[in-house]
Structure formats: C-alpha cells, structure tokens
N, C-alpha and C. Protein backbone atom coordinates (compact mmCIF):
# COMPACT_ATOMS: atom_id res chain seq x y z
N MET A 1 0.90 105.96 188.09
CA MET A 1 1.08 106.66 189.59
C MET A 1 2.53 107.59 189.74
N ASN A 2 3.46 106.33 189.68
CA ASN A 2 4.93 106.48 189.78
C ASN A 2 5.45 107.67 189.56
N LYS A 3 5.13 107.75 188.12
CA LYS A 3 5.36 109.30 187.40
C LYS A 3 5.72 110.31 188.74
N TYR A 4 4.56 110.48 189.10
CA TYR A 4 4.21 111.32 190.05
C TYR A 4 4.74 111.51 191.06
N ILE A 5 4.83 110.72 191.44
CA ILE A 5 6.04 110.17 192.87
C ILE A 5 6.76 111.16 192.57
N VAL A 6 7.81 110.93 191.29
CA VAL A 6 9.53 110.98 190.65
C VAL A 6 9.09 112.21 191.03
N ILE A 7 8.13 112.66 189.60
CA ILE A 7 8.13 114.36 190.09
C ILE A 7 8.09 115.05 191.45
N VAL A 8 7.01 114.49 191.88
CA VAL A 8 7.58 115.16 193.50
C VAL A 8 8.69 115.63 194.36
N ALA A 9 9.66 114.01 193.91
CA ALA A 9 10.28 113.98 194.74
C ALA A 9 11.44 114.77 194.03
N VAL A 10 11.45 114.67 192.41
CA VAL A 10 12.86 115.85 191.83
C VAL A 10 12.67 117.36 192.62
N GLY A 11 11.43 117.07 192.84
CA GLY A 11 10.22 118.76 193.10
C GLY A 11 10.94 119.31 194.64
N LEU A 12 10.97 118.38 194.88
CA LEU A 12 11.17 117.60 196.58
C LEU A 12 12.81 118.49 196.56
N LEU A 13 13.65 117.61 195.67
CA LEU A 13 14.95 118.15 195.51
C LEU A 13 15.02 119.17 195.04
N ALA A 14 14.74 119.75 194.41
CA ALA A 14 15.04 120.87 193.29
C ALA A 14 14.51 122.03 195.29
N PHE A 15 13.85 122.27 196.00
CA PHE A 15 13.29 122.78 196.77
C PHE A 15 14.15 123.04 197.69
N ILE A 16 14.70 121.59 197.71
CA ILE A 16 16.35 121.88 199.62
C ILE A 16 17.25 123.04 198.86
N SER A 17 17.64 122.38 198.07
CA SER A 17 18.70 123.17 197.15
C SER A 17 18.60 124.74 197.29
N THR A 18 19.71 125.60 197.68
CA THR A 18 20.39 126.42 197.82
C THR A 18 20.20 127.53 197.55
N ASN A 19 19.67 127.55 196.56
CA ASN A 19 20.08 128.81 195.86
C ASN A 19 18.26 128.94 194.94
N PHE A 20 17.45 129.33 195.40
CA PHE A 20 16.51 129.94 195.00
C PHE A 20 16.08 131.66 194.09
N SER A 21 17.30 132.50 193.71
CA SER A 21 17.21 133.00 192.77
C SER A 21 16.67 132.55 191.02
N LYS A 22 17.06 133.40 190.33
CA LYS A 22 16.76 133.41 188.64
C LYS A 22 17.83 133.29 188.57
N GLU A 23 19.42 133.93 189.02
CA GLU A 23 20.57 134.06 188.77
C GLU A 23 21.09 133.29 188.69
N ILE A 24 22.02 133.23 187.64
CA ILE A 24 23.23 131.96 187.21
C ILE A 24 24.36 132.50 188.54
N VAL A 25 24.25 130.51 188.86
CA VAL A 25 25.32 130.66 189.23
C VAL A 25 26.78 130.19 189.33
N VAL A 26 27.92 131.11 188.90
CA VAL A 26 29.07 130.21 188.57
C VAL A 26 29.87 130.17 189.50
N PRO A 27 30.72 128.90 190.01
CA PRO A 27 31.12 128.68 190.93
C PRO A 27 32.85 129.77 191.00
N LYS A 28 32.98 130.55 192.17
CA LYS A 28 34.14 131.11 191.85
C LYS A 28 35.74 130.67 190.77
N ASN A 29 35.82 129.69 191.25
CA ASN A 29 36.63 128.60 190.76
C ASN A 29 36.39 128.68 188.87
N LYS A 30 35.79 129.10 188.49
CA LYS A 30 35.41 128.92 187.10
C LYS A 30 35.37 130.67 186.22
N ASN A 31 36.75 130.91 185.99
CA ASN A 31 37.12 132.15 185.01
C ASN A 31 37.10 131.43 183.33
N ILE A 32 35.26 132.01 183.01
CA ILE A 32 34.87 131.81 181.60
C ILE A 32 35.47 132.60 180.67
N ASP A 33 36.47 132.54 179.58
CA ASP A 33 36.33 133.57 178.19
C ASP A 33 35.39 132.76 178.13
N TYR A 34 34.67 133.90 177.10
CA TYR A 34 33.48 133.68 175.90
C TYR A 34 34.29 134.20 174.27
N THR A 35 35.56 134.16 174.59
CA THR A 35 35.93 134.88 173.68
C THR A 35 35.64 133.61 172.43
N ASN A 36 35.84 133.82 171.47
CA ASN A 36 35.68 133.20 169.69
C ASN A 36 34.53 132.19 170.24
N THR A 37 33.22 131.57 170.86
CA THR A 37 32.55 130.74 171.24
C THR A 37 31.16 131.07 170.13
N LYS A 38 30.34 130.01 170.80
CA LYS A 38 29.80 129.24 169.62
C LYS A 38 28.49 128.46 170.90
N LYS A 39 27.26 128.05 170.54
CA LYS A 39 26.16 127.85 171.42
C LYS A 39 25.76 126.69 170.47
N ALA A 40 25.94 125.52 171.40
CA ALA A 40 24.83 124.15 170.73
C ALA A 40 23.66 124.13 171.40
N TYR A 41 22.55 123.39 171.47
CA TYR A 41 21.59 122.85 172.39
C TYR A 41 20.69 121.51 172.72
N PHE A 42 21.46 121.14 173.66
CA PHE A 42 21.16 119.92 173.90
C PHE A 42 20.18 119.64 174.81
N ALA A 43 19.27 118.50 174.57
CA ALA A 43 18.39 117.76 175.42
C ALA A 43 18.37 116.35 175.98
N GLY A 44 19.00 115.73 176.80
CA GLY A 44 18.96 114.76 177.26
C GLY A 44 18.85 114.09 178.16
N GLY A 45 17.52 114.51 179.26
CA GLY A 45 16.44 114.15 180.28
C GLY A 45 17.09 115.06 180.81
N CYS A 46 17.60 114.99 182.84
CA CYS A 46 17.70 116.24 183.58
C CYS A 46 19.24 116.84 182.93
N PHE A 47 18.77 117.97 182.68
CA PHE A 47 19.85 118.97 182.51
C PHE A 47 21.05 119.10 183.38
N TRP A 48 20.94 118.68 185.10
CA TRP A 48 21.67 118.63 186.22
C TRP A 48 23.33 117.73 185.18
N GLY A 49 22.68 116.11 185.11
CA GLY A 49 23.65 115.36 184.10
C GLY A 49 24.22 115.90 183.21
N VAL A 50 23.47 116.51 182.37
CA VAL A 50 24.32 116.79 180.63
C VAL A 50 25.13 117.88 180.70
N GLU A 51 24.54 118.62 181.97
CA GLU A 51 25.57 119.90 182.34
C GLU A 51 26.60 119.48 182.80
N TYR A 52 26.74 118.96 183.99
CA TYR A 52 27.83 118.33 184.64
C TYR A 52 28.90 117.55 183.57
N LEU A 53 28.86 116.37 182.19
CA LEU A 53 29.19 115.63 181.77
C LEU A 53 30.22 116.15 180.42
N LEU A 54 28.58 117.41 180.18
CA LEU A 54 29.52 118.43 178.68
C LEU A 54 30.25 118.82 179.51
N GLU A 55 30.44 119.74 180.76
CA GLU A 55 32.03 121.00 180.80
C GLU A 55 32.64 120.77 180.96
N LYS A 56 33.42 119.10 181.33
CA LYS A 56 34.11 118.73 181.31
C LYS A 56 34.90 118.39 179.80
N GLN A 57 34.43 119.08 179.04
CA GLN A 57 34.82 118.33 177.87
C GLN A 57 35.55 119.47 177.45
N LYS A 58 37.08 119.40 176.89
CA LYS A 58 37.99 120.06 176.79
C LYS A 58 37.27 121.04 175.51
N GLY A 59 37.41 122.18 176.01
CA GLY A 59 37.07 123.44 174.24
C GLY A 59 35.64 124.25 175.17
N VAL A 60 34.61 122.95 176.17
CA VAL A 60 33.80 123.48 176.27
C VAL A 60 33.71 124.52 177.34
N LYS A 61 33.17 126.30 177.13
CA LYS A 61 33.68 127.10 178.24
C LYS A 61 32.61 127.12 179.36
N ASP A 62 31.16 126.29 178.24
CA ASP A 62 30.67 126.65 180.73
C ASP A 62 29.50 126.20 179.40
N VAL A 63 28.58 126.03 180.33
CA VAL A 63 27.20 124.79 180.01
C VAL A 63 26.10 125.26 181.05
N ILE A 64 25.03 125.51 180.68
CA ILE A 64 24.09 126.71 181.53
C ILE A 64 22.23 125.74 181.17
N SER A 65 22.25 125.65 182.69
CA SER A 65 21.07 124.53 182.78
C SER A 65 19.38 125.70 182.31
N GLY A 66 18.54 125.13 181.33
CA GLY A 66 17.58 125.89 181.04
C GLY A 66 15.90 125.30 180.33
N TYR A 67 15.67 126.34 179.67
CA TYR A 67 14.79 124.68 179.10
C TYR A 67 14.12 125.77 177.40
N MET A 68 13.77 125.08 177.03
CA MET A 68 13.35 125.11 175.24
C MET A 68 12.24 124.04 174.47
N GLY A 69 11.76 124.39 173.51
CA GLY A 69 10.96 123.95 172.38
C GLY A 69 9.59 124.02 173.62
N GLY A 70 9.48 124.86 174.33
CA GLY A 70 7.60 125.00 174.38
C GLY A 70 7.49 126.22 174.05
N THR A 71 5.79 126.76 174.65
CA THR A 71 4.96 127.13 173.95
C THR A 71 4.89 128.45 174.95
N VAL A 72 5.41 128.65 175.92
CA VAL A 72 5.08 129.24 177.28
C VAL A 72 6.24 130.51 177.52
N GLU A 73 6.43 131.59 177.10
CA GLU A 73 7.07 132.78 177.37
C GLU A 73 7.59 132.97 179.12
N ASN A 74 9.49 132.59 179.22
CA ASN A 74 9.35 133.11 181.18
C ASN A 74 9.32 131.51 181.58
N PRO A 75 8.94 130.29 180.86
CA PRO A 75 9.03 129.08 182.25
C PRO A 75 9.45 129.14 183.07
N ASN A 76 9.11 128.28 183.93
CA ASN A 76 9.49 127.96 185.30
C ASN A 76 9.27 126.18 185.45
N TYR A 77 9.83 125.97 186.09
CA TYR A 77 10.37 124.46 186.78
C TYR A 77 9.11 123.71 187.14
N TYR A 78 8.30 124.16 187.70
CA TYR A 78 7.74 123.70 187.94
C TYR A 78 6.95 123.67 187.28
N GLY A 79 5.96 125.14 186.15
CA GLY A 79 5.22 124.38 184.74
C GLY A 79 5.88 123.69 183.98
N VAL A 80 6.84 123.53 183.87
CA VAL A 80 7.85 122.52 183.44
C VAL A 80 7.64 120.91 183.49
N ILE A 81 7.83 120.68 184.79
CA ILE A 81 7.58 119.34 185.04
C ILE A 81 6.50 118.98 185.27
N LYS A 82 5.42 119.90 185.40
CA LYS A 82 4.04 119.54 184.93
C LYS A 82 3.76 118.68 183.70
N GLY A 83 4.57 119.94 183.20
CA GLY A 83 4.25 118.76 181.42
C GLY A 83 3.58 120.39 180.41
N ASP A 84 3.18 120.96 181.32
CA ASP A 84 2.37 122.28 180.59
C ASP A 84 3.00 123.29 180.32
N THR A 85 4.18 123.43 180.03
CA THR A 85 4.45 124.17 179.05
C THR A 85 5.32 124.13 177.58
N GLY A 86 4.79 122.86 177.24
CA GLY A 86 5.86 122.30 176.26
C GLY A 86 7.01 122.18 176.24
N HIS A 87 8.40 122.49 177.37
CA HIS A 87 9.29 122.61 177.54
C HIS A 87 9.97 121.09 177.24
N VAL A 88 11.40 121.15 176.66
CA VAL A 88 11.86 119.57 177.67
C VAL A 88 13.07 120.23 178.37
N GLU A 89 14.07 120.00 179.18
CA GLU A 89 15.56 120.44 180.15
C GLU A 89 16.25 120.28 179.19
N THR A 90 17.02 121.33 178.80
CA THR A 90 17.64 121.78 177.71
C THR A 90 19.14 122.43 178.51
N VAL A 91 19.68 122.36 177.95
CA VAL A 91 21.37 122.35 178.09
C VAL A 91 22.19 123.69 177.30
N GLU A 92 22.51 124.59 177.05
CA GLU A 92 22.97 126.00 176.45
C GLU A 92 24.43 125.28 176.28
N VAL A 93 25.42 124.80 175.87
CA VAL A 93 26.99 124.70 175.36
C VAL A 93 27.56 125.89 174.77
N ILE A 94 28.26 126.56 175.77
CA ILE A 94 29.11 128.01 174.93
C ILE A 94 30.44 126.68 174.69
N TYR A 95 31.02 126.66 173.99
CA TYR A 95 32.62 126.40 173.28
C TYR A 95 33.30 126.96 172.54
N ASN A 96 34.36 126.11 172.98
CA ASN A 96 35.27 126.89 171.07
C ASN A 96 35.51 126.58 170.04
N PRO A 97 35.05 126.92 168.92
CA PRO A 97 35.13 126.13 167.78
C PRO A 97 36.66 125.42 166.88
N GLU A 98 37.71 126.28 167.84
CA GLU A 98 38.68 126.05 167.04
C GLU A 98 39.25 124.72 168.10
N GLU A 99 38.89 124.69 169.50
CA GLU A 99 39.22 123.85 170.35
C GLU A 99 38.00 122.50 170.20
N ILE A 100 36.78 122.39 169.96
CA ILE A 100 35.75 121.12 170.14
C ILE A 100 34.94 121.98 168.48
N SER A 101 34.70 120.95 168.26
CA SER A 101 34.21 120.85 166.53
C SER A 101 32.22 120.63 167.16
N TYR A 102 31.64 121.14 166.25
CA TYR A 102 30.12 120.71 166.76
C TYR A 102 30.26 119.20 166.37
N GLU A 103 30.07 118.27 165.52
CA GLU A 103 30.25 117.49 165.40
C GLU A 103 30.88 116.32 166.81
N SER A 104 32.15 116.98 167.41
CA SER A 104 32.48 115.60 168.30
C SER A 104 32.11 116.34 169.83
N LEU A 105 30.95 117.83 169.96
CA LEU A 105 30.56 117.69 170.76
C LEU A 105 28.58 117.27 170.74
N THR A 106 28.62 116.54 170.00
CA THR A 106 27.37 116.03 169.42
C THR A 106 27.21 114.64 169.73
N LYS A 107 28.90 113.83 169.68
CA LYS A 107 28.91 112.43 169.12
C LYS A 107 28.57 112.68 171.22
N LEU A 108 29.50 113.77 172.25
CA LEU A 108 29.96 113.41 172.98
C LEU A 108 28.15 113.16 173.71
N PHE A 109 27.31 114.40 173.42
CA PHE A 109 26.05 114.04 174.05
C PHE A 109 25.37 113.18 173.14
N PHE A 110 25.63 112.39 172.57
CA PHE A 110 24.87 110.84 172.09
C PHE A 110 26.08 109.78 173.81
N GLU A 111 26.58 110.13 173.73
CA GLU A 111 27.37 108.84 174.41
C GLU A 111 27.30 109.61 175.80
N ILE A 112 26.60 110.29 176.18
CA ILE A 112 25.81 110.61 177.56
C ILE A 112 25.11 110.13 178.21
N HIS A 113 24.39 110.14 177.52
CA HIS A 113 22.74 109.58 177.64
C HIS A 113 21.79 108.49 176.90
N ASP A 114 21.46 108.01 177.15
CA ASP A 114 21.04 106.51 176.16
C ASP A 114 19.54 107.53 175.22
N PRO A 115 20.53 107.74 174.01
CA PRO A 115 19.20 108.38 172.72
C PRO A 115 18.35 107.10 172.01
N THR A 116 17.83 106.17 172.73
CA THR A 116 16.92 105.06 172.75
C THR A 116 15.82 105.17 173.53
N GLN A 117 16.20 105.98 174.61
CA GLN A 117 15.16 105.89 175.62
C GLN A 117 14.22 106.76 174.97
N LYS A 118 12.57 106.35 174.63
CA LYS A 118 11.89 107.25 173.98
C LYS A 118 10.48 107.19 175.15
N ASP A 119 10.62 107.72 175.74
CA ASP A 119 9.77 107.59 177.58
C ASP A 119 10.66 108.98 178.29
N GLY A 120 12.23 109.46 178.38
CA GLY A 120 11.80 109.95 179.38
C GLY A 120 14.13 110.50 179.46
N GLN A 121 14.40 109.95 180.24
CA GLN A 121 15.49 109.15 180.35
C GLN A 121 16.22 108.87 182.28
N GLY A 122 16.48 107.37 182.00
CA GLY A 122 16.21 106.93 182.56
C GLY A 122 14.88 106.26 183.74
N PRO A 123 15.37 106.21 185.19
CA PRO A 123 14.40 106.96 185.84
C PRO A 123 13.13 108.02 185.75
N ASP A 124 13.80 109.21 185.38
CA ASP A 124 13.18 109.76 184.82
C ASP A 124 12.40 110.18 183.40
N ILE A 125 10.85 110.22 183.87
CA ILE A 125 9.57 110.52 182.50
C ILE A 125 8.96 111.09 182.31
N GLY A 126 8.96 111.75 180.27
CA GLY A 126 7.70 112.46 180.81
C GLY A 126 8.10 113.63 179.65
N SER A 127 7.66 114.12 179.09
CA SER A 127 7.81 114.76 177.98
C SER A 127 9.35 116.18 178.47
N GLN A 128 8.93 116.39 179.44
CA GLN A 128 10.29 116.88 179.79
C GLN A 128 11.67 116.84 180.11
N TYR A 129 11.97 115.16 179.65
CA TYR A 129 13.18 114.79 179.84
C TYR A 129 13.29 113.91 178.30
N LEU A 130 12.83 114.52 177.29
CA LEU A 130 13.07 113.56 176.23
C LEU A 130 14.56 113.97 175.45
N SER A 131 14.89 113.48 174.53
CA SER A 131 16.13 113.51 173.80
C SER A 131 15.52 114.77 172.54
N VAL A 132 16.76 115.33 172.74
CA VAL A 132 15.83 116.83 170.85
C VAL A 132 18.04 117.18 171.12
N ILE A 133 18.07 117.56 169.94
CA ILE A 133 18.92 118.32 169.51
C ILE A 133 18.32 119.38 168.60
N PHE A 134 18.42 121.04 169.42
CA PHE A 134 18.23 121.89 169.12
C PHE A 134 19.35 122.30 167.78
N TYR A 135 19.14 122.42 166.83
CA TYR A 135 20.36 122.85 165.78
C TYR A 135 19.73 124.64 165.28
N GLY A 136 20.98 125.00 165.43
CA GLY A 136 20.55 126.50 164.76
C GLY A 136 20.64 126.93 163.14
N ASN A 137 21.53 125.95 162.00
CA ASN A 137 21.66 126.02 161.55
C ASN A 137 21.62 124.56 160.19
N GLU A 138 21.47 124.61 159.32
CA GLU A 138 21.65 123.40 158.28
C GLU A 138 22.86 122.60 158.35
N GLU A 139 24.37 123.03 158.49
CA GLU A 139 25.32 122.48 158.90
C GLU A 139 25.13 121.99 160.42
N GLU A 140 24.72 121.99 160.93
CA GLU A 140 24.15 121.29 162.94
C GLU A 140 23.01 120.30 162.48
N LYS A 141 21.94 120.66 161.58
CA LYS A 141 21.42 119.70 160.77
C LYS A 141 21.64 118.54 160.64
N LYS A 142 22.43 118.66 159.49
CA LYS A 142 23.61 117.51 158.66
C LYS A 142 24.02 116.97 159.62
N THR A 143 24.38 117.33 160.62
CA THR A 143 26.22 116.86 161.69
C THR A 143 24.36 116.20 162.32
N SER A 144 24.14 116.59 162.54
CA SER A 144 22.85 115.57 163.98
C SER A 144 22.67 114.00 163.01
N GLU A 145 22.26 114.80 161.73
CA GLU A 145 21.74 113.82 160.71
C GLU A 145 22.37 113.11 160.73
N LYS A 146 23.91 113.33 160.01
CA LYS A 146 25.29 111.89 160.14
C LYS A 146 25.16 110.59 161.35
N LEU A 147 24.79 111.56 162.58
CA LEU A 147 25.91 110.78 163.25
C LEU A 147 24.39 109.62 163.32
N ILE A 148 23.46 110.18 163.56
CA ILE A 148 22.13 109.23 163.92
C ILE A 148 22.13 108.05 162.66
N ASP A 149 22.37 108.62 161.82
CA ASP A 149 22.28 107.77 160.47
C ASP A 149 23.49 106.48 161.40
N ILE A 150 24.48 106.93 161.34
CA ILE A 150 26.03 106.09 161.65
C ILE A 150 25.37 105.62 163.71
N LEU A 151 24.65 105.85 164.06
CA LEU A 151 24.26 105.11 165.05
C LEU A 151 22.95 103.96 165.24
N ARG A 152 21.85 104.18 163.94
CA ARG A 152 21.23 103.40 163.22
C ARG A 152 22.05 102.11 163.19
N ILE A 153 23.35 102.73 161.71
CA ILE A 153 23.80 101.83 161.46
C ILE A 153 24.16 100.39 162.07
N LYS A 154 25.10 101.20 163.30
CA LYS A 154 24.93 100.10 165.19
C LYS A 154 24.06 99.44 165.53
N GLY A 155 22.75 99.73 164.71
CA GLY A 155 21.72 98.53 165.60
C GLY A 155 20.63 99.49 166.63
N TYR A 156 21.70 101.00 166.39
CA TYR A 156 21.13 101.63 168.06
C TYR A 156 19.64 102.61 166.87
N ASP A 157 18.13 102.13 168.27
CA ASP A 157 16.69 102.24 167.54
C ASP A 157 16.86 104.30 168.27
N VAL A 158 17.45 105.29 167.63
CA VAL A 158 17.41 106.63 168.49
C VAL A 158 16.20 106.61 168.35
N ALA A 159 16.22 107.35 169.54
CA ALA A 159 14.75 108.04 170.03
C ALA A 159 15.19 109.60 169.66
N THR A 160 16.54 110.82 169.74
CA THR A 160 16.25 111.56 169.57
C THR A 160 16.11 111.96 168.45
N THR A 161 15.25 113.79 168.76
CA THR A 161 13.89 114.53 167.30
C THR A 161 15.22 115.75 167.33
N LEU A 162 15.72 115.88 166.18
CA LEU A 162 15.67 117.37 165.66
C LEU A 162 15.20 118.23 165.43
N LYS A 163 15.06 119.76 165.78
CA LYS A 163 14.40 120.81 166.35
C LYS A 163 14.98 121.72 165.84
N PRO A 164 14.23 122.96 165.49
CA PRO A 164 15.15 124.28 165.19
C PRO A 164 15.40 124.72 166.26
N HIS A 165 15.78 125.50 166.77
CA HIS A 165 16.61 126.63 167.86
C HIS A 165 14.77 127.12 167.74
N SER A 166 14.54 127.43 169.21
CA SER A 166 13.24 128.06 169.60
C SER A 166 14.03 129.04 170.71
N PRO A 167 13.17 129.85 171.14
CA PRO A 167 13.51 130.86 172.68
C PRO A 167 14.54 129.12 173.72
N PHE A 168 15.74 130.27 174.28
CA PHE A 168 16.12 129.49 175.32
C PHE A 168 15.58 130.38 176.87
N TYR A 169 15.66 129.62 177.78
CA TYR A 169 15.37 130.31 178.96
C TYR A 169 15.84 129.60 179.69
N ALA A 170 16.97 130.27 180.74
CA ALA A 170 17.63 129.94 182.06
C ALA A 170 16.90 129.10 182.94
N ALA A 171 17.54 128.14 183.24
CA ALA A 171 16.86 127.82 184.52
C ALA A 171 17.15 127.96 185.75
N GLU A 172 16.14 128.09 186.54
CA GLU A 172 15.97 129.28 187.79
C GLU A 172 17.99 128.98 188.89
N GLY A 173 18.41 129.87 189.87
CA GLY A 173 19.56 129.28 189.81
C GLY A 173 20.14 128.59 190.68
N TYR A 174 19.32 127.96 191.33
CA TYR A 174 19.38 126.60 191.98
C TYR A 174 19.46 125.24 191.21
N HIS A 175 19.47 125.14 190.36
CA HIS A 175 19.25 124.20 189.02
C HIS A 175 21.29 124.46 188.43
N GLN A 176 21.57 125.63 188.20
CA GLN A 176 23.39 126.13 187.77
C GLN A 176 24.22 125.06 188.34
N ASN A 177 25.06 124.40 188.21
CA ASN A 177 26.47 123.46 188.87
C ASN A 177 25.96 123.27 189.08
N TYR A 178 25.07 122.29 189.44
CA TYR A 178 24.21 121.74 191.07
C TYR A 178 25.02 120.80 191.21
N TYR A 179 25.96 119.82 190.39
CA TYR A 179 26.52 118.74 190.94
C TYR A 179 27.52 119.31 191.57
N LEU A 180 28.24 120.42 190.43
CA LEU A 180 29.30 120.83 190.87
C LEU A 180 29.38 122.18 192.31
N ARG A 181 27.96 122.49 192.64
CA ARG A 181 27.97 123.10 193.99
C ARG A 181 27.91 121.79 195.20
N THR A 182 27.18 120.64 194.74
CA THR A 182 26.85 119.63 196.14
C THR A 182 27.79 118.40 195.76
N GLY A 183 28.71 118.70 195.04
CA GLY A 183 29.68 117.45 195.38
C GLY A 183 28.87 115.84 195.00
N LYS A 184 27.72 116.34 194.63
CA LYS A 184 26.71 114.39 194.27
C LYS A 184 27.47 114.30 193.14
N THR A 185 26.80 113.56 192.35
CA THR A 185 27.05 112.31 191.19
C THR A 185 26.06 112.46 189.43
N PRO A 186 26.06 112.94 188.56
CA PRO A 186 24.75 111.97 188.26
C PRO A 186 24.36 111.12 188.47
N TYR A 187 23.06 110.63 188.31
CA TYR A 187 22.40 109.80 188.76
C TYR A 187 21.65 108.86 187.52
N CYS A 188 21.91 109.13 186.42
CA CYS A 188 21.30 108.96 185.84
C CYS A 188 21.96 109.38 183.80
N HIS A 189 23.13 109.66 184.72
CA HIS A 189 23.91 110.02 182.64
C HIS A 189 25.87 109.20 183.21
N VAL A 190 26.50 108.13 182.11
CA VAL A 190 27.25 107.62 182.05
C VAL A 190 27.46 108.14 180.67
N TYR A 191 29.24 108.53 180.71
CA TYR A 191 29.54 108.00 179.46
C TYR A 191 29.57 106.20 178.88
N LYS A 192 29.64 106.50 177.94
CA LYS A 192 30.01 105.71 177.13
C LYS A 192 30.75 105.47 175.58
N LYS A 193 31.13 105.08 175.89
CA LYS A 193 32.03 105.34 174.06
C LYS A 193 30.89 104.38 173.02
N ILE A 194 30.47 105.19 171.94
CA ILE A 194 30.10 104.92 170.75
C ILE A 194 30.89 104.91 169.63
N PHE A 195 30.96 106.34 169.55
CA PHE A 195 31.51 106.50 168.02
C PHE A 195 33.28 105.94 167.91
N ASP A 196 33.78 105.75 167.10
CA ASP A 196 35.04 105.60 166.63
C ASP A 196 35.74 107.03 167.03
C-alpha cells in the first residue's frame, strides 16, 4: 500500500509542476556547447536528483531526464511509474571527454546514489527506480565492470546492473532541470566519496 501512496504523491508533484509539454526546458542561463561531446546513460532512482548532481560536474555539458530499457515506444511518465513499460528513469549525460572521462563520470554516478539498494532508491521503490548503467560499447562495459569490482572489494553489495544501450526517450518538459527551475534540492541523492 505504501508503494502506491509514494507513486501517487510523486505523480501529483509532477502534475503540479509548471510545464506540461514534451519540450525540453533549458534555462536561459545555460549556454550549452555540444562540440566534441559524447553521451552516457545512467539510471539511479528519480532522475531529478541524478540530473541535478551530474550537471554540476566540470565537463558535463547537459543532462536530460528520460526513460530507457523498456519495451514500449514513446513511453510517458504515468506508464513508467506504474511499471507498465519496463523502463527505468534514466539520464542522458552529454559530456566532453577531453574534460572528464567516462570512468570519472561513472565513479561520480556511483557516489551520488546508493548502488546497493535493490528495490529502488531511497523512498522511491519500484522497477522504474533501479540502478542501471546502459553501456554503449565494450570499453564502457569494461570500465563499469572494473568499478563494480572495486566497490565489491570495498565491501559494497552492488545491485547496479549493466545493460546495452536501448532507445532513450526524453521525459516530459516538466521533468527537465527540475531542481534548477524550482530552487529545491534532491531528497534521495547526495554526494558521498567512495573512490580514491
């Protein structure tokens, strides 16, 4: 029953938000240069917090909240949170590899969420909130495996799974840059240094 209360609460919060379009809202103070960039995809619970903390990293040009890993084309938020589409809330990270490596980005991903939680992230419980790295090639997969091995050696029971890229769908406009636009702060994501 508590799971459904959380889903309804999150849904109401999203409904009350300001922009209901599919358009991605880029705040006017963000001048984004997409020259020489790559993309990485991470799912670590509610995409609002993951987006917010990754965007603060030097070398990250933009982060887009969306959905990945499911079986339904063009999913919407309500289908995803009900668990009907198989997607997880995912962020697309656009970064400059000359300023930050994929490995450093992946380390940061592990340090801003709890990779040991098996049923979601913080109070957000459900398959749409699982910890997943969607790798684009064998190098990204090996990098992620190496970091998971390091975490296990450190005593972490890692729940994060690795999956190959699948279609990424940007979430509705009211999910984009949520904390930046509202002035709020993440409720279940915080930075915790793990790697040396």
